[in-house]
Amino acid sequence: MKSLLAVTAALLMLGATSTAHAKGCIKGAVVGGVAGHYAGHHGVLGAAAGCLYGRHHAKEQEKQRQQQGQVNGQGKL
């Protein structure tokens, strides 16, 4: 549990540069860490993989939002 908290804290500091990426990383790290812990005591590995997936997913969602804004003629202000 301590290692999961340490990894989460480190990921928070590293991912704080962009809110969309940080949110995806944090959520993914928490879910991945818990899943990894229960799947064979690999919480740190699960947290790292969850962070990467969460960041990827958040980036894809942001791309889709930007494309929809351009299609509707409502670019970001």
C-alpha atoms as a PDB file:
ATOM      1  CA  MET A   1       0.000   0.000   0.000  1.00  0.00           C
ATOM      2  CA  LYS A   2       2.867   2.370   0.777  1.00  0.00           C
ATOM      3  CA  SER A   3       4.434   1.755  -2.614  1.00  0.00           C
ATOM      4  CA  LEU A   4       1.125   2.497  -4.336  1.00  0.00           C
ATOM      5  CA  LEU A   5       0.875   5.799  -2.507  1.00  0.00           C
ATOM      6  CA  ALA A   6       4.482   6.644  -3.365  1.00  0.00           C
ATOM      7  CA  VAL A   7       3.949   5.873  -7.041  1.00  0.00           C
ATOM      8  CA  THR A   8       0.732   7.872  -7.096  1.00  0.00           C
ATOM      9  CA  ALA A   9       2.471  10.845  -5.479  1.00  0.00           C
ATOM     10  CA  ALA A  10       5.335  10.648  -7.979  1.00  0.00           C
ATOM     11  CA  LEU A  11       2.923  10.438 -10.892  1.00  0.00           C
ATOM     12  CA  LEU A  12       1.028  13.434  -9.559  1.00  0.00           C
ATOM     13  CA  MET A  13       4.191  15.502  -9.568  1.00  0.00           C
ATOM     14  CA  LEU A  14       5.263  14.330 -13.012  1.00  0.00           C
ATOM     15  CA  GLY A  15       1.851  14.615 -14.587  1.00  0.00           C
ATOM     16  CA  ALA A  16       0.959  18.032 -13.182  1.00  0.00           C
ATOM     17  CA  THR A  17       2.021  19.829 -16.365  1.00  0.00           C
ATOM     18  CA  SER A  18      -1.328  19.335 -18.100  1.00  0.00           C
ATOM     19  CA  THR A  19      -4.641  18.876 -16.348  1.00  0.00           C
ATOM     20  CA  ALA A  20      -6.121  16.497 -18.924  1.00  0.00           C
ATOM     21  CA  HIS A  21      -3.067  14.277 -18.851  1.00  0.00           C
ATOM     22  CA  ALA A  22      -2.739  14.476 -15.079  1.00  0.00           C
ATOM     23  CA  LYS A  23      -6.350  13.482 -14.557  1.00  0.00           C
ATOM     24  CA  GLY A  24      -6.015  10.541 -16.896  1.00  0.00           C
ATOM     25  CA  CYS A  25      -2.788   9.493 -15.258  1.00  0.00           C
ATOM     26  CA  ILE A  26      -4.118   9.741 -11.721  1.00  0.00           C
ATOM     27  CA  LYS A  27      -7.308   7.831 -12.415  1.00  0.00           C
ATOM     28  CA  GLY A  28      -5.472   5.205 -14.434  1.00  0.00           C
ATOM     29  CA  ALA A  29      -2.745   4.814 -11.819  1.00  0.00           C
ATOM     30  CA  VAL A  30      -5.235   4.271  -9.016  1.00  0.00           C
ATOM     31  CA  VAL A  31      -7.288   1.728 -10.946  1.00  0.00           C
ATOM     32  CA  GLY A  32      -4.210   0.005 -12.376  1.00  0.00           C
ATOM     33  CA  GLY A  33      -2.491  -0.113  -8.998  1.00  0.00           C
ATOM     34  CA  VAL A  34      -5.452  -1.737  -7.294  1.00  0.00           C
ATOM     35  CA  ALA A  35      -5.957  -4.204 -10.152  1.00  0.00           C
ATOM     36  CA  GLY A  36      -2.244  -5.037 -10.218  1.00  0.00           C
ATOM     37  CA  HIS A  37      -2.179  -5.561  -6.467  1.00  0.00           C
ATOM     38  CA  TYR A  38      -5.041  -8.032  -6.551  1.00  0.00           C
ATOM     39  CA  ALA A  39      -3.754  -9.747  -9.685  1.00  0.00           C
ATOM     40  CA  GLY A  40      -0.516 -10.869  -8.112  1.00  0.00           C
ATOM     41  CA  HIS A  41       0.973  -8.137  -5.929  1.00  0.00           C
ATOM     42  CA  HIS A  42       2.131  -6.042  -8.885  1.00  0.00           C
ATOM     43  CA  GLY A  43       0.607  -2.753  -7.768  1.00  0.00           C
ATOM     44  CA  VAL A  44       3.492  -0.575  -8.951  1.00  0.00           C
ATOM     45  CA  LEU A  45       3.510  -2.132 -12.405  1.00  0.00           C
ATOM     46  CA  GLY A  46      -0.264  -1.815 -12.618  1.00  0.00           C
ATOM     47  CA  ALA A  47      -0.116   1.831 -11.550  1.00  0.00           C
ATOM     48  CA  ALA A  48       2.478   2.649 -14.191  1.00  0.00           C
ATOM     49  CA  ALA A  49       0.506   0.876 -16.919  1.00  0.00           C
ATOM     50  CA  GLY A  50      -2.716   2.501 -15.747  1.00  0.00           C
ATOM     51  CA  CYS A  51      -1.106   5.927 -15.871  1.00  0.00           C
ATOM     52  CA  LEU A  52       0.080   5.405 -19.424  1.00  0.00           C
ATOM     53  CA  TYR A  53      -3.321   4.184 -20.537  1.00  0.00           C
ATOM     54  CA  GLY A  54      -5.115   6.991 -18.712  1.00  0.00           C
ATOM     55  CA  ARG A  55      -2.929   9.634 -20.332  1.00  0.00           C
ATOM     56  CA  HIS A  56      -3.480   8.085 -23.759  1.00  0.00           C
ATOM     57  CA  HIS A  57      -7.240   7.959 -23.244  1.00  0.00           C
ATOM     58  CA  ALA A  58      -7.385  11.582 -22.014  1.00  0.00           C
ATOM     59  CA  LYS A  59      -5.330  12.724 -24.999  1.00  0.00           C
ATOM     60  CA  GLU A  60      -7.678  10.952 -27.419  1.00  0.00           C
ATOM     61  CA  GLN A  61     -10.727  12.506 -25.759  1.00  0.00           C
ATOM     62  CA  GLU A  62      -9.152  15.966 -25.977  1.00  0.00           C
ATOM     63  CA  LYS A  63      -8.485  15.424 -29.698  1.00  0.00           C
ATOM     64  CA  GLN A  64     -12.108  14.463 -30.270  1.00  0.00           C
ATOM     65  CA  ARG A  65     -13.333  17.553 -28.401  1.00  0.00           C
ATOM     66  CA  GLN A  66     -11.137  19.781 -30.527  1.00  0.00           C
ATOM     67  CA  GLN A  67     -12.341  18.168 -33.752  1.00  0.00           C
ATOM     68  CA  GLN A  68     -15.981  18.552 -32.727  1.00  0.00           C
ATOM     69  CA  GLY A  69     -15.366  22.206 -31.896  1.00  0.00           C
ATOM     70  CA  GLN A  70     -13.866  22.820 -35.326  1.00  0.00           C
ATOM     71  CA  VAL A  71     -16.698  21.031 -37.108  1.00  0.00           C
ATOM     72  CA  ASN A  72     -19.281  23.101 -35.247  1.00  0.00           C
ATOM     73  CA  GLY A  73     -17.330  26.290 -35.958  1.00  0.00           C
ATOM     74  CA  GLN A  74     -16.730  26.869 -32.268  1.00  0.00           C
ATOM     75  CA  GLY A  75     -12.974  26.821 -31.807  1.00  0.00           C
ATOM     76  CA  LYS A  76     -11.574  27.135 -28.311  1.00  0.00           C
ATOM     77  CA  LEU A  77     -11.668  30.631 -26.894  1.00  0.00           C
END
